[in-house]
PDB file of N, CA and C in Angstrom:
ATOM      1  N   MET A   1      18.651  22.357 -28.788  1.00  0.00           N
ATOM      2  CA  MET A   1      19.355  21.850 -27.394  1.00  0.00           C
ATOM      3  C   MET A   1      18.682  20.395 -27.522  1.00  0.00           C
ATOM      4  N   LYS A   2      17.688  20.020 -27.729  1.00  0.00           N
ATOM      5  CA  LYS A   2      16.983  18.895 -27.387  1.00  0.00           C
ATOM      6  C   LYS A   2      17.793  17.819 -28.855  1.00  0.00           C
ATOM      7  N   SER A   3      18.269  18.446 -29.921  1.00  0.00           N
ATOM      8  CA  SER A   3      18.924  17.431 -30.570  1.00  0.00           C
ATOM      9  C   SER A   3      20.274  17.264 -30.218  1.00  0.00           C
ATOM     10  N   LEU A   4      21.146  18.076 -29.651  1.00  0.00           N
ATOM     11  CA  LEU A   4      22.129  17.984 -28.881  1.00  0.00           C
ATOM     12  C   LEU A   4      22.146  16.880 -27.678  1.00  0.00           C
ATOM     13  N   THR A   5      20.859  16.802 -26.898  1.00  0.00           N
ATOM     14  CA  THR A   5      20.798  15.785 -25.878  1.00  0.00           C
ATOM     15  C   THR A   5      20.538  14.435 -26.790  1.00  0.00           C
ATOM     16  N   CYS A   6      19.756  14.461 -27.671  1.00  0.00           N
ATOM     17  CA  CYS A   6      19.489  13.017 -28.514  1.00  0.00           C
ATOM     18  C   CYS A   6      20.957  12.600 -28.773  1.00  0.00           C
ATOM     19  N   LEU A   7      21.606  13.446 -29.329  1.00  0.00           N
ATOM     20  CA  LEU A   7      23.026  13.007 -29.801  1.00  0.00           C
ATOM     21  C   LEU A   7      24.030  12.358 -29.013  1.00  0.00           C
ATOM     22  N   LYS A   8      23.935  13.144 -27.736  1.00  0.00           N
ATOM     23  CA  LYS A   8      24.620  12.579 -26.338  1.00  0.00           C
ATOM     24  C   LYS A   8      24.189  11.157 -26.167  1.00  0.00           C
ATOM     25  N   GLU A   9      22.845  10.928 -26.295  1.00  0.00           N
ATOM     26  CA  GLU A   9      22.360   9.739 -25.870  1.00  0.00           C
ATOM     27  C   GLU A   9      22.408   8.725 -26.552  1.00  0.00           C
ATOM     28  N   PHE A  10      22.587   9.168 -27.845  1.00  0.00           N
ATOM     29  CA  PHE A  10      22.894   7.941 -28.843  1.00  0.00           C
ATOM     30  C   PHE A  10      24.418   7.629 -28.793  1.00  0.00           C
ATOM     31  N   ARG A  11      25.114   8.555 -28.627  1.00  0.00           N
ATOM     32  CA  ARG A  11      26.521   7.977 -28.421  1.00  0.00           C
ATOM     33  C   ARG A  11      26.736   7.376 -27.418  1.00  0.00           C
ATOM     34  N   LYS A  12      26.436   7.767 -26.150  1.00  0.00           N
ATOM     35  CA  LYS A  12      26.531   7.052 -24.810  1.00  0.00           C
ATOM     36  C   LYS A  12      25.821   5.481 -24.979  1.00  0.00           C
ATOM     37  N   ARG A  13      25.079   5.346 -25.706  1.00  0.00           N
ATOM     38  CA  ARG A  13      24.407   4.090 -25.794  1.00  0.00           C
ATOM     39  C   ARG A  13      24.945   3.203 -27.296  1.00  0.00           C
ATOM     40  N   ALA A  14      25.566   3.760 -28.050  1.00  0.00           N
ATOM     41  CA  ALA A  14      26.461   3.220 -29.109  1.00  0.00           C
ATOM     42  C   ALA A  14      28.015   2.541 -28.355  1.00  0.00           C
ATOM     43  N   TYR A  15      28.469   3.749 -27.405  1.00  0.00           N
ATOM     44  CA  TYR A  15      29.661   3.289 -26.850  1.00  0.00           C
ATOM     45  C   TYR A  15      29.366   2.052 -26.084  1.00  0.00           C
ATOM     46  N   CYS A  16      28.144   1.880 -25.379  1.00  0.00           N
ATOM     47  CA  CYS A  16      27.943   1.047 -24.413  1.00  0.00           C
ATOM     48  C   CYS A  16      27.842  -0.530 -25.156  1.00  0.00           C
ATOM     49  N   LEU A  17      27.504  -0.659 -26.427  1.00  0.00           N
ATOM     50  CA  LEU A  17      27.472  -1.499 -26.885  1.00  0.00           C
ATOM     51  C   LEU A  17      28.282  -2.365 -27.849  1.00  0.00           C
ATOM     52  N   LEU A  18      29.673  -1.474 -27.810  1.00  0.00           N
ATOM     53  CA  LEU A  18      30.796  -2.018 -28.992  1.00  0.00           C
ATOM     54  C   LEU A  18      31.458  -3.142 -28.067  1.00  0.00           C
ATOM     55  N   GLY A  19      31.247  -3.127 -26.496  1.00  0.00           N
ATOM     56  CA  GLY A  19      32.307  -4.549 -25.823  1.00  0.00           C
ATOM     57  C   GLY A  19      33.976  -3.962 -25.756  1.00  0.00           C
ATOM     58  N   ASN A  20      34.686  -4.974 -26.196  1.00  0.00           N
ATOM     59  CA  ASN A  20      36.009  -4.942 -25.911  1.00  0.00           C
ATOM     60  C   ASN A  20      36.438  -3.787 -26.857  1.00  0.00           C
ATOM     61  N   GLY A  21      37.580  -2.966 -26.723  1.00  0.00           N
ATOM     62  CA  GLY A  21      38.364  -2.190 -27.834  1.00  0.00           C
ATOM     63  C   GLY A  21      37.179  -1.092 -28.288  1.00  0.00           C
ATOM     64  N   LYS A  22      36.363  -0.850 -27.480  1.00  0.00           N
ATOM     65  CA  LYS A  22      35.051   0.198 -27.617  1.00  0.00           C
ATOM     66  C   LYS A  22      35.742   1.647 -27.882  1.00  0.00           C
ATOM     67  N   ASP A  23      36.993   2.297 -27.180  1.00  0.00           N
ATOM     68  CA  ASP A  23      37.542   3.462 -27.282  1.00  0.00           C
ATOM     69  C   ASP A  23      37.885   3.548 -28.491  1.00  0.00           C
ATOM     70  N   GLY A  24      38.690   2.252 -28.953  1.00  0.00           N
ATOM     71  CA  GLY A  24      39.306   2.359 -30.511  1.00  0.00           C
ATOM     72  C   GLY A  24      38.234   2.394 -31.792  1.00  0.00           C
ATOM     73  N   LEU A  25      37.336   1.680 -31.242  1.00  0.00           N
ATOM     74  CA  LEU A  25      36.175   1.414 -32.542  1.00  0.00           C
ATOM     75  C   LEU A  25      35.380   2.742 -32.447  1.00  0.00           C
ATOM     76  N   PHE A  26      35.191   3.411 -31.547  1.00  0.00           N
ATOM     77  CA  PHE A  26      34.056   4.456 -31.129  1.00  0.00           C
ATOM     78  C   PHE A  26      35.222   5.701 -31.934  1.00  0.00           C
ATOM     79  N   ASP A  27      36.260   5.771 -31.702  1.00  0.00           N
ATOM     80  CA  ASP A  27      37.276   6.717 -32.283  1.00  0.00           C
ATOM     81  C   ASP A  27      37.319   6.628 -33.823  1.00  0.00           C
ATOM     82  N   LEU A  28      37.260   5.167 -34.311  1.00  0.00           N
ATOM     83  CA  LEU A  28      37.033   4.884 -35.832  1.00  0.00           C
ATOM     84  C   LEU A  28      36.098   5.395 -36.218  1.00  0.00           C
ATOM     85  N   MET A  29      34.887   5.169 -35.427  1.00  0.00           N
ATOM     86  CA  MET A  29      33.448   5.764 -35.964  1.00  0.00           C
ATOM     87  C   MET A  29      33.356   7.067 -36.376  1.00  0.00           C
ATOM     88  N   ASP A  30      34.052   7.754 -35.337  1.00  0.00           N
ATOM     89  CA  ASP A  30      33.963   9.317 -35.208  1.00  0.00           C
ATOM     90  C   ASP A  30      34.691   9.955 -36.350  1.00  0.00           C
ATOM     91  N   ALA A  31      35.962   9.268 -36.791  1.00  0.00           N
ATOM     92  CA  ALA A  31      36.773   9.557 -37.910  1.00  0.00           C
ATOM     93  C   ALA A  31      35.843   9.006 -38.847  1.00  0.00           C
ATOM     94  N   ALA A  32      35.521   7.917 -39.423  1.00  0.00           N
ATOM     95  CA  ALA A  32      34.631   7.856 -40.752  1.00  0.00           C
ATOM     96  C   ALA A  32      33.475   8.556 -40.601  1.00  0.00           C
ATOM     97  N   ILE A  33      33.022   9.211 -39.818  1.00  0.00           N
ATOM     98  CA  ILE A  33      31.991   9.948 -39.835  1.00  0.00           C
ATOM     99  C   ILE A  33      32.063  11.499 -40.127  1.00  0.00           C
ATOM    100  N   THR A  34      33.140  11.988 -39.616  1.00  0.00           N
ATOM    101  CA  THR A  34      33.784  13.252 -39.862  1.00  0.00           C
ATOM    102  C   THR A  34      34.539  13.444 -40.961  1.00  0.00           C
ATOM    103  N   CYS A  35      35.242  12.546 -41.693  1.00  0.00           N
ATOM    104  CA  CYS A  35      35.935  12.882 -42.761  1.00  0.00           C
ATOM    105  C   CYS A  35      35.145  12.907 -44.005  1.00  0.00           C
ATOM    106  N   PRO A  36      35.478  13.826 -44.806  1.00  0.00           N
ATOM    107  CA  PRO A  36      34.767  14.009 -46.250  1.00  0.00           C
ATOM    108  C   PRO A  36      34.845  12.931 -46.954  1.00  0.00           C
ATOM    109  N   CYS A  37      35.967  12.371 -47.340  1.00  0.00           N
ATOM    110  CA  CYS A  37      36.460  11.315 -48.013  1.00  0.00           C
ATOM    111  C   CYS A  37      37.075  10.080 -47.345  1.00  0.00           C
ATOM    112  N   VAL A  38      36.565   9.126 -46.850  1.00  0.00           N
ATOM    113  CA  VAL A  38      37.275   8.061 -46.379  1.00  0.00           C
ATOM    114  C   VAL A  38      37.618   6.711 -47.401  1.00  0.00           C
ATOM    115  N   PRO A  39      38.833   7.005 -47.882  1.00  0.00           N
ATOM    116  CA  PRO A  39      39.233   5.531 -48.580  1.00  0.00           C
ATOM    117  C   PRO A  39      39.282   4.277 -48.150  1.00  0.00           C
ATOM    118  N   SER A  40      39.478   4.268 -46.829  1.00  0.00           N
ATOM    119  CA  SER A  40      39.574   2.938 -46.009  1.00  0.00           C
ATOM    120  C   SER A  40      39.683   3.043 -44.524  1.00  0.00           C
ATOM    121  N   PHE A  41      39.297   2.332 -43.860  1.00  0.00           N
ATOM    122  CA  PHE A  41      39.289   2.221 -42.500  1.00  0.00           C
ATOM    123  C   PHE A  41      40.414   2.018 -42.135  1.00  0.00           C
ATOM    124  N   ALA A  42      41.138   1.441 -42.576  1.00  0.00           N
ATOM    125  CA  ALA A  42      42.495   1.075 -42.270  1.00  0.00           C
ATOM    126  C   ALA A  42      43.609   2.465 -42.235  1.00  0.00           C
ATOM    127  N   GLU A  43      43.158   3.157 -43.247  1.00  0.00           N
ATOM    128  CA  GLU A  43      43.987   4.642 -43.397  1.00  0.00           C
ATOM    129  C   GLU A  43      43.403   5.624 -42.063  1.00  0.00           C
ATOM    130  N   LEU A  44      42.317   5.408 -41.984  1.00  0.00           N
ATOM    131  CA  LEU A  44      41.690   6.005 -40.623  1.00  0.00           C
ATOM    132  C   LEU A  44      42.818   5.721 -39.193  1.00  0.00           C
ATOM    133  N   SER A  45      42.872   4.403 -39.201  1.00  0.00           N
ATOM    134  CA  SER A  45      43.550   3.896 -38.155  1.00  0.00           C
ATOM    135  C   SER A  45      45.088   4.364 -37.769  1.00  0.00           C
ATOM    136  N   LEU A  46      45.648   4.642 -39.030  1.00  0.00           N
ATOM    137  CA  LEU A  46      47.278   5.049 -38.964  1.00  0.00           C
ATOM    138  C   LEU A  46      47.560   6.107 -38.425  1.00  0.00           C
TER     139      LEU A  46
END
């Protein structure tokens, strides 16, 4: 349970650091982390 709390805190802090467009950037980061094979960031944003 502690690791889940740490992950939530990390995501919250990272989100606050992104600035303008943070919703889109955060979604892109999530996609890059969870996809097994990422050919390019441009393809993730389609």
